[in-house]
Amino acid sequence: MDAKEAAMAAKRYFQDTKTLTKFIFETVSAKRDAENWVVICLVQDLFEEDGKEFRLIVNNEGEILEVEMIDKSPI
């Protein structure tokens, strides 16, 4: 698996498991971390003004191991 395949696995996750039918998916980064990939992405519903950023851990088989929304609220 390479970075592009890891990002595509992350996109499929949102297509398959989220209730969003029309959304914009943008990969911010896809980096190797030991034996897994860490994908940071922005997901935005077409009917909302702001998107949400997520961090996903993807293994070499394309399986999503962990999903975490990144909180961007001011401290």
PDB file of N, CA and C in Angstrom:
ATOM      1  N   MET A   1       0.853  -1.181   0.000  1.00  0.00           N
ATOM      2  CA  MET A   1       0.000   0.000   0.000  1.00  0.00           C
ATOM      3  C   MET A   1       0.895   1.240   0.000  1.00  0.00           C
ATOM      4  N   ASP A   2       0.460   2.238  -0.769  1.00  0.00           N
ATOM      5  CA  ASP A   2       1.183   3.502  -0.779  1.00  0.00           C
ATOM      6  C   ASP A   2       0.269   4.606  -0.222  1.00  0.00           C
ATOM      7  N   ALA A   3       0.762   5.844  -0.221  1.00  0.00           N
ATOM      8  CA  ALA A   3       0.015   6.952   0.372  1.00  0.00           C
ATOM      9  C   ALA A   3      -1.325   7.181  -0.345  1.00  0.00           C
ATOM     10  N   LYS A   4      -1.332   7.059  -1.659  1.00  0.00           N
ATOM     11  CA  LYS A   4      -2.569   7.263  -2.417  1.00  0.00           C
ATOM     12  C   LYS A   4      -3.613   6.212  -2.054  1.00  0.00           C
ATOM     13  N   GLU A   5      -3.202   4.965  -1.943  1.00  0.00           N
ATOM     14  CA  GLU A   5      -4.129   3.894  -1.582  1.00  0.00           C
ATOM     15  C   GLU A   5      -4.656   4.077  -0.162  1.00  0.00           C
ATOM     16  N   ALA A   6      -3.804   4.552   0.747  1.00  0.00           N
ATOM     17  CA  ALA A   6      -4.241   4.820   2.121  1.00  0.00           C
ATOM     18  C   ALA A   6      -5.289   5.924   2.140  1.00  0.00           C
ATOM     19  N   ALA A   7      -5.075   6.969   1.351  1.00  0.00           N
ATOM     20  CA  ALA A   7      -6.041   8.068   1.276  1.00  0.00           C
ATOM     21  C   ALA A   7      -7.356   7.588   0.667  1.00  0.00           C
ATOM     22  N   MET A   8      -7.296   6.721  -0.325  1.00  0.00           N
ATOM     23  CA  MET A   8      -8.510   6.184  -0.939  1.00  0.00           C
ATOM     24  C   MET A   8      -9.276   5.300   0.052  1.00  0.00           C
ATOM     25  N   ALA A   9      -8.556   4.554   0.887  1.00  0.00           N
ATOM     26  CA  ALA A   9      -9.213   3.741   1.918  1.00  0.00           C
ATOM     27  C   ALA A   9      -9.955   4.649   2.900  1.00  0.00           C
ATOM     28  N   ALA A  10      -9.346   5.789   3.247  1.00  0.00           N
ATOM     29  CA  ALA A  10      -9.990   6.742   4.154  1.00  0.00           C
ATOM     30  C   ALA A  10     -11.259   7.305   3.511  1.00  0.00           C
ATOM     31  N   LYS A  11     -11.188   7.654   2.242  1.00  0.00           N
ATOM     32  CA  LYS A  11     -12.358   8.187   1.541  1.00  0.00           C
ATOM     33  C   LYS A  11     -13.479   7.141   1.491  1.00  0.00           C
ATOM     34  N   ARG A  12     -13.126   5.895   1.200  1.00  0.00           N
ATOM     35  CA  ARG A  12     -14.133   4.821   1.168  1.00  0.00           C
ATOM     36  C   ARG A  12     -14.807   4.667   2.527  1.00  0.00           C
ATOM     37  N   TYR A  13     -14.033   4.860   3.602  1.00  0.00           N
ATOM     38  CA  TYR A  13     -14.607   4.777   4.944  1.00  0.00           C
ATOM     39  C   TYR A  13     -15.783   5.748   5.074  1.00  0.00           C
ATOM     40  N   PHE A  14     -15.592   6.982   4.645  1.00  0.00           N
ATOM     41  CA  PHE A  14     -16.665   7.976   4.763  1.00  0.00           C
ATOM     42  C   PHE A  14     -17.813   7.680   3.807  1.00  0.00           C
ATOM     43  N   GLN A  15     -17.512   7.141   2.646  1.00  0.00           N
ATOM     44  CA  GLN A  15     -18.569   6.769   1.707  1.00  0.00           C
ATOM     45  C   GLN A  15     -19.401   5.614   2.258  1.00  0.00           C
ATOM     46  N   ASP A  16     -18.758   4.669   2.915  1.00  0.00           N
ATOM     47  CA  ASP A  16     -19.436   3.455   3.371  1.00  0.00           C
ATOM     48  C   ASP A  16     -20.120   3.587   4.735  1.00  0.00           C
ATOM     49  N   THR A  17     -19.587   4.425   5.619  1.00  0.00           N
ATOM     50  CA  THR A  17     -20.086   4.415   6.993  1.00  0.00           C
ATOM     51  C   THR A  17     -20.775   5.688   7.443  1.00  0.00           C
ATOM     52  N   LYS A  18     -20.623   6.739   6.737  1.00  0.00           N
ATOM     53  CA  LYS A  18     -21.234   8.000   7.160  1.00  0.00           C
ATOM     54  C   LYS A  18     -22.548   8.211   6.432  1.00  0.00           C
ATOM     55  N   THR A  19     -23.389   9.050   6.990  1.00  0.00           N
ATOM     56  CA  THR A  19     -24.679   9.334   6.380  1.00  0.00           C
ATOM     57  C   THR A  19     -24.566  10.408   5.302  1.00  0.00           C
ATOM     58  N   LEU A  20     -23.379  10.913   5.090  1.00  0.00           N
ATOM     59  CA  LEU A  20     -23.188  11.917   4.053  1.00  0.00           C
ATOM     60  C   LEU A  20     -23.324  11.270   2.676  1.00  0.00           C
ATOM     61  N   THR A  21     -24.176  11.823   1.850  1.00  0.00           N
ATOM     62  CA  THR A  21     -24.297  11.289   0.491  1.00  0.00           C
ATOM     63  C   THR A  21     -23.514  12.145  -0.490  1.00  0.00           C
ATOM     64  N   LYS A  22     -23.450  13.425  -0.245  1.00  0.00           N
ATOM     65  CA  LYS A  22     -22.699  14.351  -1.090  1.00  0.00           C
ATOM     66  C   LYS A  22     -21.712  15.095  -0.198  1.00  0.00           C
ATOM     67  N   PHE A  23     -20.431  14.808  -0.394  1.00  0.00           N
ATOM     68  CA  PHE A  23     -19.440  15.474   0.436  1.00  0.00           C
ATOM     69  C   PHE A  23     -18.155  15.676  -0.347  1.00  0.00           C
ATOM     70  N   ILE A  24     -17.376  16.618   0.133  1.00  0.00           N
ATOM     71  CA  ILE A  24     -16.062  16.903  -0.433  1.00  0.00           C
ATOM     72  C   ILE A  24     -15.047  16.241   0.478  1.00  0.00           C
ATOM     73  N   PHE A  25     -14.130  15.502  -0.120  1.00  0.00           N
ATOM     74  CA  PHE A  25     -13.080  14.825   0.640  1.00  0.00           C
ATOM     75  C   PHE A  25     -11.740  15.351   0.140  1.00  0.00           C
ATOM     76  N   GLU A  26     -10.936  15.844   1.064  1.00  0.00           N
ATOM     77  CA  GLU A  26      -9.616  16.363   0.701  1.00  0.00           C
ATOM     78  C   GLU A  26      -8.569  15.756   1.624  1.00  0.00           C
ATOM     79  N   THR A  27      -7.553  15.166   1.039  1.00  0.00           N
ATOM     80  CA  THR A  27      -6.460  14.604   1.831  1.00  0.00           C
ATOM     81  C   THR A  27      -5.495  15.724   2.180  1.00  0.00           C
ATOM     82  N   VAL A  28      -5.252  15.919   3.459  1.00  0.00           N
ATOM     83  CA  VAL A  28      -4.280  16.907   3.920  1.00  0.00           C
ATOM     84  C   VAL A  28      -2.891  16.279   3.913  1.00  0.00           C
ATOM     85  N   SER A  29      -2.795  15.045   4.439  1.00  0.00           N
ATOM     86  CA  SER A  29      -1.521  14.324   4.423  1.00  0.00           C
ATOM     87  C   SER A  29      -1.766  12.833   4.599  1.00  0.00           C
ATOM     88  N   ALA A  30      -0.819  12.049   4.101  1.00  0.00           N
ATOM     89  CA  ALA A  30      -0.827  10.599   4.279  1.00  0.00           C
ATOM     90  C   ALA A  30       0.621  10.184   4.494  1.00  0.00           C
ATOM     91  N   LYS A  31       0.932   9.777   5.721  1.00  0.00           N
ATOM     92  CA  LYS A  31       2.316   9.461   6.085  1.00  0.00           C
ATOM     93  C   LYS A  31       2.395   8.085   6.727  1.00  0.00           C
ATOM     94  N   ARG A  32       3.483   7.429   6.499  1.00  0.00           N
ATOM     95  CA  ARG A  32       3.753   6.120   7.080  1.00  0.00           C
ATOM     96  C   ARG A  32       4.204   6.308   8.532  1.00  0.00           C
ATOM     97  N   ASP A  33       3.641   5.516   9.433  1.00  0.00           N
ATOM     98  CA  ASP A  33       4.025   5.543  10.841  1.00  0.00           C
ATOM     99  C   ASP A  33       4.186   4.094  11.281  1.00  0.00           C
ATOM    100  N   ALA A  34       5.422   3.621  11.350  1.00  0.00           N
ATOM    101  CA  ALA A  34       5.722   2.206  11.640  1.00  0.00           C
ATOM    102  C   ALA A  34       5.094   1.351  10.554  1.00  0.00           C
ATOM    103  N   GLU A  35       4.165   0.454  10.911  1.00  0.00           N
ATOM    104  CA  GLU A  35       3.576  -0.422   9.890  1.00  0.00           C
ATOM    105  C   GLU A  35       2.238   0.090   9.361  1.00  0.00           C
ATOM    106  N   ASN A  36       1.732   1.220   9.870  1.00  0.00           N
ATOM    107  CA  ASN A  36       0.442   1.759   9.446  1.00  0.00           C
ATOM    108  C   ASN A  36       0.603   3.112   8.767  1.00  0.00           C
ATOM    109  N   TRP A  37      -0.474   3.566   8.151  1.00  0.00           N
ATOM    110  CA  TRP A  37      -0.536   4.892   7.533  1.00  0.00           C
ATOM    111  C   TRP A  37      -1.395   5.801   8.395  1.00  0.00           C
ATOM    112  N   VAL A  38      -0.990   7.052   8.521  1.00  0.00           N
ATOM    113  CA  VAL A  38      -1.763   8.076   9.215  1.00  0.00           C
ATOM    114  C   VAL A  38      -2.253   9.040   8.142  1.00  0.00           C
ATOM    115  N   VAL A  39      -3.573   9.095   7.987  1.00  0.00           N
ATOM    116  CA  VAL A  39      -4.174   9.957   6.969  1.00  0.00           C
ATOM    117  C   VAL A  39      -4.925  11.074   7.684  1.00  0.00           C
ATOM    118  N   ILE A  40      -4.586  12.314   7.341  1.00  0.00           N
ATOM    119  CA  ILE A  40      -5.305  13.482   7.835  1.00  0.00           C
ATOM    120  C   ILE A  40      -6.132  13.986   6.661  1.00  0.00           C
ATOM    121  N   CYS A  41      -7.425  14.178   6.888  1.00  0.00           N
ATOM    122  CA  CYS A  41      -8.295  14.585   5.782  1.00  0.00           C
ATOM    123  C   CYS A  41      -9.346  15.574   6.252  1.00  0.00           C
ATOM    124  N   LEU A  42      -9.879  16.302   5.292  1.00  0.00           N
ATOM    125  CA  LEU A  42     -10.960  17.243   5.529  1.00  0.00           C
ATOM    126  C   LEU A  42     -12.200  16.695   4.841  1.00  0.00           C
ATOM    127  N   VAL A  43     -13.293  16.597   5.582  1.00  0.00           N
ATOM    128  CA  VAL A  43     -14.560  16.106   5.043  1.00  0.00           C
ATOM    129  C   VAL A  43     -15.601  17.201   5.251  1.00  0.00           C
ATOM    130  N   GLN A  44     -16.244  17.579   4.144  1.00  0.00           N
ATOM    131  CA  GLN A  44     -17.233  18.647   4.229  1.00  0.00           C
ATOM    132  C   GLN A  44     -18.499  18.244   3.496  1.00  0.00           C
ATOM    133  N   ASP A  45     -19.610  18.281   4.208  1.00  0.00           N
ATOM    134  CA  ASP A  45     -20.919  18.067   3.602  1.00  0.00           C
ATOM    135  C   ASP A  45     -21.172  19.232   2.642  1.00  0.00           C
ATOM    136  N   LEU A  46     -21.707  18.953   1.474  1.00  0.00           N
ATOM    137  CA  LEU A  46     -21.962  20.011   0.496  1.00  0.00           C
ATOM    138  C   LEU A  46     -22.943  21.063   1.001  1.00  0.00           C
ATOM    139  N   PHE A  47     -23.758  20.697   1.984  1.00  0.00           N
ATOM    140  CA  PHE A  47     -24.769  21.615   2.484  1.00  0.00           C
ATOM    141  C   PHE A  47     -24.330  22.358   3.742  1.00  0.00           C
ATOM    142  N   GLU A  48     -23.080  22.186   4.145  1.00  0.00           N
ATOM    143  CA  GLU A  48     -22.548  22.884   5.322  1.00  0.00           C
ATOM    144  C   GLU A  48     -21.423  23.814   4.897  1.00  0.00           C
ATOM    145  N   GLU A  49     -21.240  24.857   5.682  1.00  0.00           N
ATOM    146  CA  GLU A  49     -20.224  25.848   5.353  1.00  0.00           C
ATOM    147  C   GLU A  49     -18.818  25.383   5.738  1.00  0.00           C
ATOM    148  N   ASP A  50     -18.698  24.696   6.859  1.00  0.00           N
ATOM    149  CA  ASP A  50     -17.388  24.284   7.358  1.00  0.00           C
ATOM    150  C   ASP A  50     -17.229  22.773   7.299  1.00  0.00           C
ATOM    151  N   GLY A  51     -16.017  22.351   7.015  1.00  0.00           N
ATOM    152  CA  GLY A  51     -15.707  20.933   7.023  1.00  0.00           C
ATOM    153  C   GLY A  51     -15.135  20.512   8.366  1.00  0.00           C
ATOM    154  N   LYS A  52     -14.922  19.219   8.513  1.00  0.00           N
ATOM    155  CA  LYS A  52     -14.330  18.676   9.733  1.00  0.00           C
ATOM    156  C   LYS A  52     -13.071  17.926   9.347  1.00  0.00           C
ATOM    157  N   GLU A  53     -12.052  18.044  10.192  1.00  0.00           N
ATOM    158  CA  GLU A  53     -10.791  17.370   9.929  1.00  0.00           C
ATOM    159  C   GLU A  53     -10.721  16.084  10.748  1.00  0.00           C
ATOM    160  N   PHE A  54     -10.244  15.022  10.111  1.00  0.00           N
ATOM    161  CA  PHE A  54     -10.149  13.717  10.745  1.00  0.00           C
ATOM    162  C   PHE A  54      -8.750  13.146  10.602  1.00  0.00           C
ATOM    163  N   ARG A  55      -8.391  12.303  11.566  1.00  0.00           N
ATOM    164  CA  ARG A  55      -7.135  11.546  11.542  1.00  0.00           C
ATOM    165  C   ARG A  55      -7.527  10.070  11.542  1.00  0.00           C
ATOM    166  N   LEU A  56      -7.088   9.345  10.511  1.00  0.00           N
ATOM    167  CA  LEU A  56      -7.392   7.921  10.396  1.00  0.00           C
ATOM    168  C   LEU A  56      -6.105   7.122  10.374  1.00  0.00           C
ATOM    169  N   ILE A  57      -6.123   5.966  11.035  1.00  0.00           N
ATOM    170  CA  ILE A  57      -5.025   5.015  10.978  1.00  0.00           C
ATOM    171  C   ILE A  57      -5.473   3.886  10.048  1.00  0.00           C
ATOM    172  N   VAL A  58      -4.664   3.626   9.019  1.00  0.00           N
ATOM    173  CA  VAL A  58      -4.996   2.624   8.007  1.00  0.00           C
ATOM    174  C   VAL A  58      -3.857   1.601   7.957  1.00  0.00           C
ATOM    175  N   ASN A  59      -4.204   0.304   8.003  1.00  0.00           N
ATOM    176  CA  ASN A  59      -3.144  -0.713   7.907  1.00  0.00           C
ATOM    177  C   ASN A  59      -2.836  -1.009   6.441  1.00  0.00           C
ATOM    178  N   ASN A  60      -1.869  -1.880   6.188  1.00  0.00           N
ATOM    179  CA  ASN A  60      -1.423  -2.170   4.827  1.00  0.00           C
ATOM    180  C   ASN A  60      -2.463  -2.890   3.979  1.00  0.00           C
ATOM    181  N   GLU A  61      -3.497  -3.444   4.597  1.00  0.00           N
ATOM    182  CA  GLU A  61      -4.563  -4.105   3.854  1.00  0.00           C
ATOM    183  C   GLU A  61      -5.707  -3.143   3.529  1.00  0.00           C
ATOM    184  N   GLY A  62      -5.586  -1.876   3.953  1.00  0.00           N
ATOM    185  CA  GLY A  62      -6.627  -0.883   3.703  1.00  0.00           C
ATOM    186  C   GLY A  62      -7.714  -0.861   4.753  1.00  0.00           C
ATOM    187  N   GLU A  63      -7.503  -1.571   5.857  1.00  0.00           N
ATOM    188  CA  GLU A  63      -8.481  -1.608   6.941  1.00  0.00           C
ATOM    189  C   GLU A  63      -8.288  -0.391   7.845  1.00  0.00           C
ATOM    190  N   ILE A  64      -9.390   0.252   8.191  1.00  0.00           N
ATOM    191  CA  ILE A  64      -9.355   1.413   9.082  1.00  0.00           C
ATOM    192  C   ILE A  64      -9.269   0.906  10.518  1.00  0.00           C
ATOM    193  N   LEU A  65      -8.202   1.284  11.221  1.00  0.00           N
ATOM    194  CA  LEU A  65      -7.999   0.844  12.593  1.00  0.00           C
ATOM    195  C   LEU A  65      -8.513   1.850  13.616  1.00  0.00           C
ATOM    196  N   GLU A  66      -8.462   3.128  13.247  1.00  0.00           N
ATOM    197  CA  GLU A  66      -8.859   4.179  14.196  1.00  0.00           C
ATOM    198  C   GLU A  66      -9.297   5.416  13.427  1.00  0.00           C
ATOM    199  N   VAL A  67     -10.328   6.089  13.938  1.00  0.00           N
ATOM    200  CA  VAL A  67     -10.808   7.345  13.357  1.00  0.00           C
ATOM    201  C   VAL A  67     -10.963   8.340  14.499  1.00  0.00           C
ATOM    202  N   GLU A  68     -10.415   9.519  14.305  1.00  0.00           N
ATOM    203  CA  GLU A  68     -10.495  10.555  15.343  1.00  0.00           C
ATOM    204  C   GLU A  68     -10.758  11.887  14.674  1.00  0.00           C
ATOM    205  N   MET A  69     -11.771  12.624  15.167  1.00  0.00           N
ATOM    206  CA  MET A  69     -12.004  13.966  14.657  1.00  0.00           C
ATOM    207  C   MET A  69     -11.032  14.907  15.353  1.00  0.00           C
ATOM    208  N   ILE A  70     -10.410  15.771  14.575  1.00  0.00           N
ATOM    209  CA  ILE A  70      -9.450  16.729  15.114  1.00  0.00           C
ATOM    210  C   ILE A  70     -10.210  17.979  15.503  1.00  0.00           C
ATOM    211  N   ASP A  71     -10.130  18.336  16.771  1.00  0.00           N
ATOM    212  CA  ASP A  71     -10.834  19.508  17.294  1.00  0.00           C
ATOM    213  C   ASP A  71     -10.031  20.753  16.979  1.00  0.00           C
ATOM    214  N   LYS A  72     -10.640  21.683  16.246  1.00  0.00           N
ATOM    215  CA  LYS A  72      -9.950  22.921  15.881  1.00  0.00           C
ATOM    216  C   LYS A  72     -10.507  24.131  16.621  1.00  0.00           C
ATOM    217  N   SER A  73     -11.197  23.881  17.723  1.00  0.00           N
ATOM    218  CA  SER A  73     -11.767  24.998  18.466  1.00  0.00           C
ATOM    219  C   SER A  73     -10.654  25.765  19.194  1.00  0.00           C
ATOM    220  N   PRO A  74     -10.803  27.065  19.317  1.00  0.00           N
ATOM    221  CA  PRO A  74      -9.783  27.858  20.009  1.00  0.00           C
ATOM    222  C   PRO A  74      -9.722  27.514  21.493  1.00  0.00           C
ATOM    223  N   ILE A  75      -8.542  27.618  22.037  1.00  0.00           N
ATOM    224  CA  ILE A  75      -8.334  27.290  23.460  1.00  0.00           C
ATOM    225  C   ILE A  75      -8.638  28.459  24.350  1.00  0.00           C
TER     226      ILE A  75
END
